[in-house]
C-alpha atoms as a PDB file:
ATOM      1  CA  ARG A   1      81.386  43.874 119.465  1.00  0.00           C
ATOM      2  CA  LEU A   2      79.361  46.198 117.403  1.00  0.00           C
ATOM      3  CA  SER A   3      81.749  47.737 114.722  1.00  0.00           C
ATOM      4  CA  SER A   4      84.646  46.119 116.050  1.00  0.00           C
ATOM      5  CA  GLY A   5      85.163  48.972 118.368  1.00  0.00           C
ATOM      6  CA  LEU A   6      85.453  51.399 115.446  1.00  0.00           C
ATOM      7  CA  PRO A   7      83.677  54.791 115.604  1.00  0.00           C
ATOM      8  CA  VAL A   8      80.316  54.521 114.181  1.00  0.00           C
ATOM      9  CA  ILE A   9      78.426  57.219 112.014  1.00  0.00           C
ATOM     10  CA  LEU A  10      75.040  56.206 110.946  1.00  0.00           C
ATOM     11  CA  ALA A  11      72.887  58.781 108.956  1.00  0.00           C
ATOM     12  CA  GLY A  12      69.847  58.990 106.922  1.00  0.00           C
ATOM     13  CA  ASP A  13      65.976  58.897 106.688  1.00  0.00           C
ATOM     14  CA  PHE A  14      64.846  56.744 109.598  1.00  0.00           C
ATOM     15  CA  ASN A  15      61.105  57.437 109.325  1.00  0.00           C
ATOM     16  CA  PHE A  16      60.847  57.904 113.106  1.00  0.00           C
ATOM     17  CA  MET A  17      60.227  60.800 115.181  1.00  0.00           C
ATOM     18  CA  PRO A  18      62.280  62.292 118.118  1.00  0.00           C
ATOM     19  CA  GLY A  19      61.341  60.737 121.418  1.00  0.00           C
ATOM     20  CA  SER A  20      59.509  57.672 119.695  1.00  0.00           C
ATOM     21  CA  GLU A  21      60.534  54.162 120.832  1.00  0.00           C
ATOM     22  CA  THR A  22      62.712  53.637 118.017  1.00  0.00           C
ATOM     23  CA  TYR A  23      64.574  56.905 118.583  1.00  0.00           C
ATOM     24  CA  ARG A  24      64.900  56.000 122.174  1.00  0.00           C
ATOM     25  CA  LEU A  25      66.372  52.527 121.213  1.00  0.00           C
ATOM     26  CA  VAL A  26      68.998  54.253 119.238  1.00  0.00           C
ATOM     27  CA  THR A  27      69.786  56.905 121.661  1.00  0.00           C
ATOM     28  CA  GLU A  28      69.315  55.370 125.114  1.00  0.00           C
ATOM     29  CA  GLY A  29      70.139  51.936 124.084  1.00  0.00           C
ATOM     30  CA  VAL A  30      66.898  50.473 125.385  1.00  0.00           C
ATOM     31  CA  LEU A  31      63.184  50.249 124.610  1.00  0.00           C
ATOM     32  CA  PRO A  32      60.842  51.840 127.195  1.00  0.00           C
ATOM     33  CA  GLU A  33      59.319  49.405 129.544  1.00  0.00           C
ATOM     34  CA  ASP A  34      55.807  50.789 128.532  1.00  0.00           C
ATOM     35  CA  PRO A  35      55.820  50.809 124.629  1.00  0.00           C
ATOM     36  CA  LYS A  36      53.180  52.765 123.308  1.00  0.00           C
ATOM     37  CA  GLY A  37      53.757  52.572 119.502  1.00  0.00           C
ATOM     38  CA  ALA A  38      51.490  50.795 117.148  1.00  0.00           C
ATOM     39  CA  PHE A  39      54.548  49.094 115.586  1.00  0.00           C
ATOM     40  CA  THR A  40      57.344  47.224 117.407  1.00  0.00           C
ATOM     41  CA  PRO A  41      59.866  45.789 114.950  1.00  0.00           C
ATOM     42  CA  VAL A  42      60.388  41.843 115.041  1.00  0.00           C
ATOM     43  CA  PRO A  43      63.645  39.974 114.788  1.00  0.00           C
ATOM     44  CA  PRO A  44      64.614  38.813 111.344  1.00  0.00           C
ATOM     45  CA  HIS A  45      64.113  35.081 110.761  1.00  0.00           C
ATOM     46  CA  SER A  46      61.555  34.915 113.605  1.00  0.00           C
ATOM     47  CA  GLY A  47      58.863  33.358 111.568  1.00  0.00           C
ATOM     48  CA  LYS A  48      56.657  36.425 112.530  1.00  0.00           C
ATOM     49  CA  THR A  49      55.659  39.145 110.260  1.00  0.00           C
ATOM     50  CA  ALA A  50      57.358  42.546 110.290  1.00  0.00           C
ATOM     51  CA  LEU A  51      54.139  44.223 110.848  1.00  0.00           C
ATOM     52  CA  SER A  52      53.171  42.269 114.309  1.00  0.00           C
ATOM     53  CA  PRO A  53      52.820  44.990 116.809  1.00  0.00           C
ATOM     54  CA  THR A  54      53.276  42.556 119.858  1.00  0.00           C
ATOM     55  CA  ILE A  55      56.567  40.957 119.218  1.00  0.00           C
ATOM     56  CA  PRO A  56      59.514  42.855 120.629  1.00  0.00           C
ATOM     57  CA  PHE A  57      62.783  43.078 118.536  1.00  0.00           C
ATOM     58  CA  TRP A  58      65.577  44.143 120.656  1.00  0.00           C
ATOM     59  CA  GLU A  59      64.987  45.151 124.144  1.00  0.00           C
ATOM     60  CA  ALA A  60      68.550  46.590 124.366  1.00  0.00           C
ATOM     61  CA  ILE A  61      71.318  47.376 121.964  1.00  0.00           C
ATOM     62  CA  PRO A  62      75.206  47.523 123.043  1.00  0.00           C
ATOM     63  CA  LEU A  63      76.002  51.030 121.838  1.00  0.00           C
ATOM     64  CA  LYS A  64      73.971  54.180 122.360  1.00  0.00           C
ATOM     65  CA  LEU A  65      74.265  56.739 119.718  1.00  0.00           C
ATOM     66  CA  LYS A  66      74.240  60.342 119.888  1.00  0.00           C
ATOM     67  CA  SER A  67      72.391  62.744 117.508  1.00  0.00           C
ATOM     68  CA  ALA A  68      74.620  65.391 115.948  1.00  0.00           C
ATOM     69  CA  TYR A  69      71.957  67.842 115.965  1.00  0.00           C
ATOM     70  CA  ASN A  70      70.882  67.241 119.483  1.00  0.00           C
ATOM     71  CA  GLU A  71      74.486  67.522 120.636  1.00  0.00           C
ATOM     72  CA  VAL A  72      75.139  70.742 118.913  1.00  0.00           C
ATOM     73  CA  LEU A  73      71.635  72.416 119.384  1.00  0.00           C
ATOM     74  CA  GLY A  74      70.417  70.784 122.373  1.00  0.00           C
ATOM     75  CA  GLU A  75      67.303  69.528 120.489  1.00  0.00           C
ATOM     76  CA  GLU A  76      66.317  67.921 117.075  1.00  0.00           C
ATOM     77  CA  PRO A  77      65.439  70.215 114.129  1.00  0.00           C
ATOM     78  CA  SER A  78      61.908  71.210 114.014  1.00  0.00           C
ATOM     79  CA  PHE A  79      61.636  69.252 110.692  1.00  0.00           C
ATOM     80  CA  THR A  80      63.695  67.403 108.112  1.00  0.00           C
ATOM     81  CA  ASN A  81      60.905  66.166 106.011  1.00  0.00           C
ATOM     82  CA  TYR A  82      58.041  68.374 104.590  1.00  0.00           C
ATOM     83  CA  ALA A  83      55.592  66.292 102.148  1.00  0.00           C
ATOM     84  CA  GLN A  84      52.243  65.567 100.726  1.00  0.00           C
ATOM     85  CA  THR A  85      51.293  62.548  99.016  1.00  0.00           C
ATOM     86  CA  ARG A  86      48.328  62.924  96.738  1.00  0.00           C
ATOM     87  CA  ASN A  87      45.363  63.944  98.807  1.00  0.00           C
ATOM     88  CA  ALA A  88      46.997  63.005 102.135  1.00  0.00           C
ATOM     89  CA  PRO A  89      47.444  65.674 104.763  1.00  0.00           C
ATOM     90  CA  VAL A  90      50.770  67.530 104.629  1.00  0.00           C
ATOM     91  CA  PHE A  91      53.287  66.050 106.891  1.00  0.00           C
ATOM     92  CA  ILE A  92      55.978  68.029 108.423  1.00  0.00           C
ATOM     93  CA  GLY A  93      58.413  66.471 111.069  1.00  0.00           C
ATOM     94  CA  THR A  94      61.854  65.356 112.001  1.00  0.00           C
ATOM     95  CA  LEU A  95      62.700  61.831 110.130  1.00  0.00           C
ATOM     96  CA  ASP A  96      66.485  62.320 109.227  1.00  0.00           C
ATOM     97  CA  TYR A  97      69.341  62.023 111.639  1.00  0.00           C
ATOM     98  CA  ILE A  98      73.071  61.744 111.828  1.00  0.00           C
ATOM     99  CA  PHE A  99      73.721  59.609 114.674  1.00  0.00           C
ATOM    100  CA  VAL A 100      77.371  59.091 116.143  1.00  0.00           C
ATOM    101  CA  SER A 101      79.004  56.814 118.628  1.00  0.00           C
ATOM    102  CA  PRO A 102      80.215  58.255 121.981  1.00  0.00           C
ATOM    103  CA  GLU A 103      83.727  59.007 121.068  1.00  0.00           C
ATOM    104  CA  ILE A 104      82.624  61.199 117.924  1.00  0.00           C
ATOM    105  CA  SER A 105      82.075  64.890 118.750  1.00  0.00           C
ATOM    106  CA  ALA A 106      79.644  66.941 116.685  1.00  0.00           C
ATOM    107  CA  LEU A 107      81.403  70.333 116.188  1.00  0.00           C
ATOM    108  CA  SER A 108      78.510  72.018 113.906  1.00  0.00           C
ATOM    109  CA  VAL A 109      75.596  71.164 111.907  1.00  0.00           C
ATOM    110  CA  ARG A 110      74.069  72.696 108.852  1.00  0.00           C
ATOM    111  CA  ASP A 111      71.436  75.283 109.535  1.00  0.00           C
ATOM    112  CA  LEU A 112      67.802  74.400 108.610  1.00  0.00           C
ATOM    113  CA  PRO A 113      65.033  76.618 108.119  1.00  0.00           C
ATOM    114  CA  ALA A 114      62.479  77.393 110.785  1.00  0.00           C
ATOM    115  CA  GLN A 115      59.281  75.528 110.364  1.00  0.00           C
ATOM    116  CA  GLU A 116      57.303  78.889 109.966  1.00  0.00           C
ATOM    117  CA  ALA A 117      59.663  80.014 107.010  1.00  0.00           C
ATOM    118  CA  ALA A 118      59.569  76.693 104.980  1.00  0.00           C
ATOM    119  CA  LYS A 119      58.063  76.989 101.734  1.00  0.00           C
ATOM    120  CA  GLY A 120      56.345  73.779 100.990  1.00  0.00           C
ATOM    121  CA  PRO A 121      55.439  70.943 100.831  1.00  0.00           C
ATOM    122  CA  TYR A 122      58.704  69.828  99.325  1.00  0.00           C
ATOM    123  CA  PRO A 123      59.874  69.198  96.550  1.00  0.00           C
ATOM    124  CA  THR A 124      59.913  72.436  94.934  1.00  0.00           C
ATOM    125  CA  ASP A 125      62.227  74.410  92.681  1.00  0.00           C
ATOM    126  CA  ALA A 126      64.311  75.512  95.447  1.00  0.00           C
ATOM    127  CA  GLU A 127      64.081  72.163  97.467  1.00  0.00           C
ATOM    128  CA  PRO A 128      64.599  69.072  95.069  1.00  0.00           C
ATOM    129  CA  SER A 129      63.557  66.519  97.669  1.00  0.00           C
ATOM    130  CA  ASP A 130      60.861  66.085 100.388  1.00  0.00           C
ATOM    131  CA  HIS A 131      63.763  65.995 102.907  1.00  0.00           C
ATOM    132  CA  ALA A 132      65.820  69.033 103.850  1.00  0.00           C
ATOM    133  CA  MET A 133      69.658  68.377 103.500  1.00  0.00           C
ATOM    134  CA  ILE A 134      71.249  67.637 106.934  1.00  0.00           C
ATOM    135  CA  ALA A 135      74.840  67.857 107.580  1.00  0.00           C
ATOM    136  CA  ALA A 136      77.353  68.036 110.439  1.00  0.00           C
ATOM    137  CA  THR A 137      81.130  68.696 110.863  1.00  0.00           C
ATOM    138  CA  LEU A 138      82.357  65.828 113.099  1.00  0.00           C
ATOM    139  CA  ARG A 139      85.574  65.131 115.165  1.00  0.00           C
ATOM    140  CA  ILE A 140      86.770  61.714 114.925  1.00  0.00           C
ATOM    141  CA  PRO A 141      89.521  60.724 117.522  1.00  0.00           C
ATOM    142  CA  ALA A 142      92.812  59.923 115.520  1.00  0.00           C
ATOM    143  CA  LYS A 143      93.485  57.000 117.830  1.00  0.00           C
ATOM    144  CA  LEU A 144      91.139  55.022 120.189  1.00  0.00           C
ATOM    145  CA  GLU A 145      92.256  53.990 123.525  1.00  0.00           C
ATOM    146  CA  GLU A 146      92.945  50.372 123.646  1.00  0.00           C
ATOM    147  CA  GLU A 147      90.566  48.429 126.230  1.00  0.00           C
END
């Protein structure tokens, strides 16, 4: 069993957008039947390169995780990353998440600025990273039911 049945909190910079195949794998537990992405991960130790776009990784995972922001707000933030590298176009989108297992409840999340109000790209004097700080107040059950 994944995590030996204990509650799971998985948070960080995942470098995938809401609705993407990888996001759907984490939140729905399965890859879509008609993958459209240019990159599908490959299993470790498969002998294939990690950049192969045609080799499936997991078609399903045993635990669907919930996004704390989506649970509280009904949607993901409009952005968590606002960056520009050298002469590349400015990127602004959601790449950071707080995922939790089903028995954990998200009670509140840290407010993030509206995309139109953001002064960037980041980092700036006011924002020390190209990622906005995300946070959530979570309720973890004191005792899990025995199966």
